[in-house]
Protein backbone atom coordinates (compact mmCIF):
# COMPACT_ATOMS: atom_id res chain seq x y z
CA MET A 1 -33.09 -95.37 -18.85
CA ALA A 2 -34.35 -95.02 -15.26
CA SER A 3 -31.55 -92.55 -14.55
CA GLU A 4 -32.60 -90.39 -17.51
CA LEU A 5 -36.27 -90.48 -16.49
CA ARG A 6 -35.41 -89.43 -12.93
CA ARG A 7 -34.03 -86.18 -14.37
CA ASN A 8 -36.90 -85.65 -16.84
CA LYS A 9 -39.25 -82.97 -15.49
CA TRP A 10 -42.05 -83.85 -17.90
CA TYR A 11 -42.00 -87.55 -16.98
CA LYS A 12 -42.05 -86.77 -13.24
CA HIS A 13 -44.87 -84.26 -13.76
CA GLN A 14 -46.95 -86.95 -15.47
CA LEU A 15 -46.33 -89.43 -12.63
CA LEU A 16 -47.63 -86.91 -10.10
CA MET A 17 -50.57 -85.91 -12.32
CA ASN A 18 -51.70 -89.55 -12.22
CA SER A 19 -52.14 -89.25 -8.44
CA PRO A 20 -55.57 -87.75 -7.63
CA ALA A 21 -54.26 -86.58 -4.26
CA LEU A 22 -51.40 -84.60 -5.82
CA ALA A 23 -52.78 -83.27 -9.12
CA ARG A 24 -54.22 -80.21 -7.34
CA PHE A 25 -50.71 -79.10 -6.38
CA LEU A 26 -49.39 -79.08 -9.96
CA PRO A 27 -49.38 -76.07 -12.30
CA LYS A 28 -50.91 -76.66 -15.74
CA SER A 29 -48.08 -77.82 -17.99
CA TYR A 30 -47.45 -78.79 -21.61
CA ARG A 31 -44.48 -79.76 -23.74
CA TYR A 32 -43.28 -76.70 -25.62
CA SER A 33 -44.55 -76.12 -29.14
CA PRO A 34 -45.72 -72.89 -30.81
CA ALA A 35 -49.31 -74.17 -30.59
CA ASN A 36 -49.01 -74.91 -26.86
CA LEU A 37 -47.32 -71.56 -26.30
CA SER A 38 -50.32 -69.85 -27.88
CA LYS A 39 -52.75 -71.99 -25.85
CA MET A 40 -51.07 -71.09 -22.56
CA LEU A 41 -50.89 -67.37 -23.38
CA ASN A 42 -54.64 -67.46 -24.06
CA LEU A 43 -55.13 -68.85 -20.55
CA TYR A 44 -52.63 -66.93 -18.41
CA PRO A 45 -51.01 -63.48 -18.27
CA GLU A 46 -47.63 -65.02 -17.39
CA ILE A 47 -46.02 -68.34 -18.24
CA ILE A 48 -42.70 -70.05 -17.54
CA LEU A 49 -40.68 -72.17 -19.94
CA LYS A 50 -38.05 -74.51 -18.49
CA PRO A 51 -35.76 -77.19 -19.94
CA VAL A 52 -37.11 -80.72 -19.54
CA VAL A 53 -33.67 -81.65 -18.19
CA GLY A 54 -31.78 -78.94 -16.34
CA SER A 55 -30.96 -77.43 -12.97
CA GLY A 56 -29.86 -74.27 -11.21
CA GLY A 57 -32.44 -72.06 -12.91
CA VAL A 58 -30.40 -72.09 -16.13
CA GLY A 59 -32.51 -71.76 -19.26
CA ILE A 60 -35.73 -70.68 -17.55
CA ILE A 61 -37.73 -68.16 -19.59
CA LYS A 62 -40.59 -66.01 -18.32
CA VAL A 63 -43.11 -64.56 -20.77
CA SER A 64 -45.52 -61.84 -19.61
CA LYS A 65 -48.37 -60.31 -21.59
CA GLY A 66 -48.45 -56.53 -21.75
CA ASN A 67 -50.92 -54.18 -23.43
CA GLU A 68 -51.81 -54.18 -27.13
CA GLY A 69 -50.14 -57.45 -28.06
CA VAL A 70 -46.82 -56.71 -26.38
CA TYR A 71 -44.89 -59.56 -24.73
CA HIS A 72 -42.05 -59.21 -22.23
CA VAL A 73 -39.49 -62.02 -22.34
CA HIS A 74 -37.16 -62.37 -19.36
CA THR A 75 -34.41 -64.92 -18.70
CA LEU A 76 -31.05 -64.85 -16.93
CA GLY A 77 -29.14 -61.88 -18.30
CA PHE A 78 -31.70 -61.20 -21.03
CA LYS A 79 -34.79 -59.02 -21.36
CA GLN A 80 -36.65 -58.19 -24.54
CA LYS A 81 -40.01 -56.75 -25.54
CA VAL A 82 -41.72 -57.91 -28.71
CA THR A 83 -45.06 -57.12 -30.34
CA GLY A 84 -47.29 -59.92 -31.58
CA ARG A 85 -46.96 -63.69 -31.44
CA ASP A 86 -45.44 -63.73 -34.92
CA SER A 87 -42.41 -62.04 -33.35
CA LEU A 88 -42.58 -63.92 -30.06
CA VAL A 89 -42.37 -67.47 -31.45
CA PRO A 90 -39.05 -67.00 -33.35
CA LEU A 91 -37.53 -65.42 -30.22
CA ILE A 92 -38.63 -68.33 -28.02
CA ASN A 93 -37.38 -70.82 -30.60
CA ARG A 94 -33.99 -69.08 -30.60
CA LEU A 95 -33.79 -69.14 -26.79
CA THR A 96 -34.82 -72.79 -26.48
CA GLY A 97 -32.68 -74.05 -29.36
CA LYS A 98 -32.80 -77.80 -29.88
CA ARG A 99 -33.51 -78.64 -26.24
CA SER A 100 -36.89 -79.94 -25.08
CA PHE A 101 -38.83 -77.47 -22.92
CA LEU A 102 -41.95 -77.40 -20.76
CA ILE A 103 -44.45 -74.56 -20.61
CA GLN A 104 -46.09 -73.98 -17.23
CA TYR A 105 -48.51 -71.63 -15.57
CA CYS A 106 -46.38 -69.02 -13.84
CA ILE A 107 -47.22 -69.36 -10.16
CA PRO A 108 -47.65 -65.90 -8.56
CA LEU A 109 -45.09 -66.59 -5.84
CA ALA A 110 -45.39 -65.00 -2.43
CA LYS A 111 -42.79 -62.31 -1.85
CA VAL A 112 -40.63 -60.98 0.94
CA GLY A 113 -39.85 -57.31 0.46
CA GLY A 114 -40.62 -57.55 -3.24
CA LYS A 115 -38.39 -60.63 -3.66
CA LEU A 116 -39.79 -63.99 -4.80
CA ILE A 117 -39.65 -66.90 -2.38
CA ASP A 118 -39.93 -70.65 -2.72
CA PHE A 119 -38.94 -73.65 -0.61
CA ARG A 120 -36.45 -76.52 -0.71
CA TYR A 121 -37.56 -79.74 0.97
CA ILE A 122 -35.34 -82.80 1.32
CA VAL A 123 -37.03 -86.18 1.84
CA GLN A 124 -34.96 -89.30 2.52
CA ARG A 125 -35.21 -92.94 3.53
CA SER A 126 -32.76 -95.66 4.45
CA LYS A 127 -31.98 -98.39 1.92
CA GLY A 128 -34.60 -101.11 2.18
CA ASP A 129 -36.95 -98.92 4.23
CA SER A 130 -40.26 -97.78 2.75
CA LYS A 131 -40.75 -94.91 5.20
CA TRP A 132 -39.86 -91.44 3.89
CA ILE A 133 -38.78 -88.69 6.31
CA ILE A 134 -38.44 -84.95 5.77
CA THR A 135 -34.84 -84.37 6.81
CA GLY A 136 -34.56 -80.73 5.78
CA LYS A 137 -36.55 -77.71 4.69
CA HIS A 138 -35.73 -74.06 4.11
CA ALA A 139 -36.95 -71.06 2.16
CA LYS A 140 -35.07 -69.40 -0.69
CA ILE A 141 -35.48 -65.66 -1.11
CA GLY A 142 -34.47 -64.55 -4.60
CA LYS A 143 -32.58 -61.46 -5.63
CA GLU A 144 -34.71 -58.46 -6.51
CA GLY A 145 -35.75 -58.49 -10.16
CA TYR A 146 -34.83 -62.14 -10.72
CA VAL A 147 -37.33 -64.68 -12.14
CA VAL A 148 -35.63 -67.58 -10.29
CA THR A 149 -34.82 -68.21 -6.62
CA ASN A 150 -31.86 -70.55 -7.04
CA LEU A 151 -28.95 -70.22 -4.63
CA GLN A 152 -26.61 -70.36 -7.63
CA GLN A 153 -28.23 -67.11 -8.79
CA GLY A 154 -27.72 -65.29 -5.50
CA ALA A 155 -30.79 -66.25 -3.44
CA ASN A 156 -30.67 -66.13 0.37
CA VAL A 157 -31.74 -68.85 2.82
CA GLU A 158 -34.32 -68.49 5.60
CA THR A 159 -36.38 -70.86 7.74
CA VAL A 160 -39.74 -71.86 6.27
CA ARG A 161 -41.80 -70.40 9.11
CA ARG A 162 -39.89 -67.12 9.17
CA ALA A 163 -40.23 -66.66 5.40
CA LEU A 164 -43.99 -67.34 5.53
CA GLN A 165 -44.33 -64.80 8.33
CA GLN A 166 -42.37 -62.21 6.38
CA ALA A 167 -44.55 -62.88 3.33
CA ASN A 168 -47.69 -62.28 5.44
CA ILE A 169 -49.19 -65.70 4.70
CA LYS A 170 -52.30 -65.92 6.86
CA ASN A 171 -52.71 -69.59 7.82
CA ILE A 172 -49.08 -70.59 8.33
CA GLY A 173 -49.93 -73.85 10.12
CA LYS A 174 -52.03 -75.19 7.24
CA THR A 175 -49.50 -74.00 4.66
CA MET A 176 -46.65 -75.79 6.42
CA ALA A 177 -48.78 -78.95 6.75
CA ASP A 178 -49.51 -78.87 3.01
CA LEU A 179 -45.81 -78.43 2.19
CA ASP A 180 -44.97 -81.47 4.34
CA TYR A 181 -47.80 -83.53 2.85
CA LEU A 182 -46.85 -82.71 -0.74
CA SER A 183 -43.18 -83.62 -0.32
CA LEU A 184 -43.91 -86.90 1.49
CA GLN A 185 -46.71 -88.04 -0.83
CA ALA A 186 -44.70 -87.21 -3.95
CA SER A 187 -41.86 -89.36 -2.62
CA LYS A 188 -44.26 -92.27 -2.13
CA VAL A 189 -45.54 -91.89 -5.70
CA PHE A 190 -42.02 -91.76 -7.14
CA SER A 191 -40.91 -94.82 -5.15
CA ARG A 192 -43.25 -96.98 -7.25
CA THR A 193 -41.23 -96.12 -10.36
CA PHE A 194 -37.80 -95.35 -8.91
CA GLY A 195 -37.49 -98.08 -6.29
CA SER A 196 -33.79 -97.57 -5.55
CA GLN A 197 -34.03 -93.82 -4.93
CA THR A 198 -33.30 -92.84 -1.31
CA ILE A 199 -33.43 -89.02 -1.60
CA TRP A 200 -35.65 -86.44 -3.30
CA GLY A 201 -35.31 -82.70 -3.23
CA TYR A 202 -38.39 -80.60 -3.95
CA ASP A 203 -38.73 -77.00 -4.98
CA LEU A 204 -42.15 -76.03 -3.64
CA ALA A 205 -44.05 -72.77 -3.90
CA VAL A 206 -46.62 -70.83 -1.93
CA ASP A 207 -48.60 -68.31 -3.93
CA VAL A 208 -49.90 -64.93 -2.80
CA ASN A 209 -53.10 -66.59 -1.54
CA GLY A 210 -51.26 -69.20 0.54
CA LYS A 211 -51.87 -72.11 -1.87
CA VAL A 212 -49.06 -74.67 -2.07
CA TRP A 213 -47.62 -75.79 -5.42
CA MET A 214 -45.02 -78.25 -6.72
CA ILE A 215 -42.39 -76.53 -8.85
CA GLU A 216 -40.19 -79.56 -9.50
CA ALA A 217 -38.59 -82.66 -8.03
CA ASN A 218 -34.83 -83.28 -8.10
CA CYS A 219 -33.22 -86.72 -7.83
CA THR A 220 -29.75 -85.31 -7.00
CA PRO A 221 -30.65 -82.22 -4.96
CA LEU A 222 -28.07 -79.72 -3.77
CA VAL A 223 -28.15 -79.42 0.01
CA GLY A 224 -25.50 -76.78 0.62
CA GLY A 225 -28.14 -74.16 1.42
CA PHE A 226 -28.79 -75.83 4.77
CA ARG A 227 -25.31 -74.80 5.91
CA TYR A 228 -26.45 -71.17 5.89
CA LEU A 229 -29.14 -71.73 8.50
CA GLN A 230 -28.18 -70.75 12.03
CA ASN A 231 -29.21 -74.21 13.23
CA GLN A 232 -27.33 -76.78 11.15
CA SER A 233 -28.99 -79.87 12.59
CA MET A 234 -30.93 -80.49 9.35
CA TYR A 235 -27.74 -80.35 7.32
CA ARG A 236 -26.10 -82.91 9.61
CA THR A 237 -29.15 -85.21 9.37
CA ILE A 238 -29.18 -85.05 5.57
CA ARG A 239 -25.48 -85.86 5.40
CA ARG A 240 -25.90 -88.74 7.86
CA TYR A 241 -28.59 -90.32 5.67
CA GLN A 242 -26.45 -89.82 2.58
CA ALA A 243 -23.50 -91.53 4.28
CA MET A 244 -25.68 -94.47 5.39
CA ASN A 245 -27.01 -94.99 1.87
CA ARG A 246 -23.69 -94.99 0.04
């Protein structure tokens, strides 16, 4: 059961929402239902739907409001325009199928040259040690026109500082401090429920105003992106911790 809950995005979102220090970093989220879809579209011009259990950006759906009741639906390899919510709901139901989905506020991600960026942070600890350490961090710069920034979908890797500079984020020092704080504090919160976990991978966002957000937490994060950085010391550190904790 614990293994299943570690992979459940909705359960992990609720754990973080219960922390007053972290709730401000979380986008408004609901379980998918036609009623909640309508509620979110009344609040925001763009929303994201994602599978409760999933990875690699597969299954993510972006819905944008256009003029005169038009909605633009965009997912991997699929774009469609529909008019009216009576047409939108059956389309979303077809795309989601029988899987459980979340609906979230679509964070207006900062961009580099028109391409969306977000950030992968790896936080680890040794078995039996309560102290969490950030062992790796890098930016992911998505392909132009893509709604996801996953490496599996062709994103490129850059250092966090360099990506923030390229995105013209004003207070880079504070932004980087917030990214560190969010990843470390989230790990402390999760350790109360998942006591045996020794690694977390976080997909974090910075919006166009420099505000930091949690996108999601991964219990079995991919770390291959760190090999593409010129300095591979973070990759070696991550692998060393993984070897120690086997």
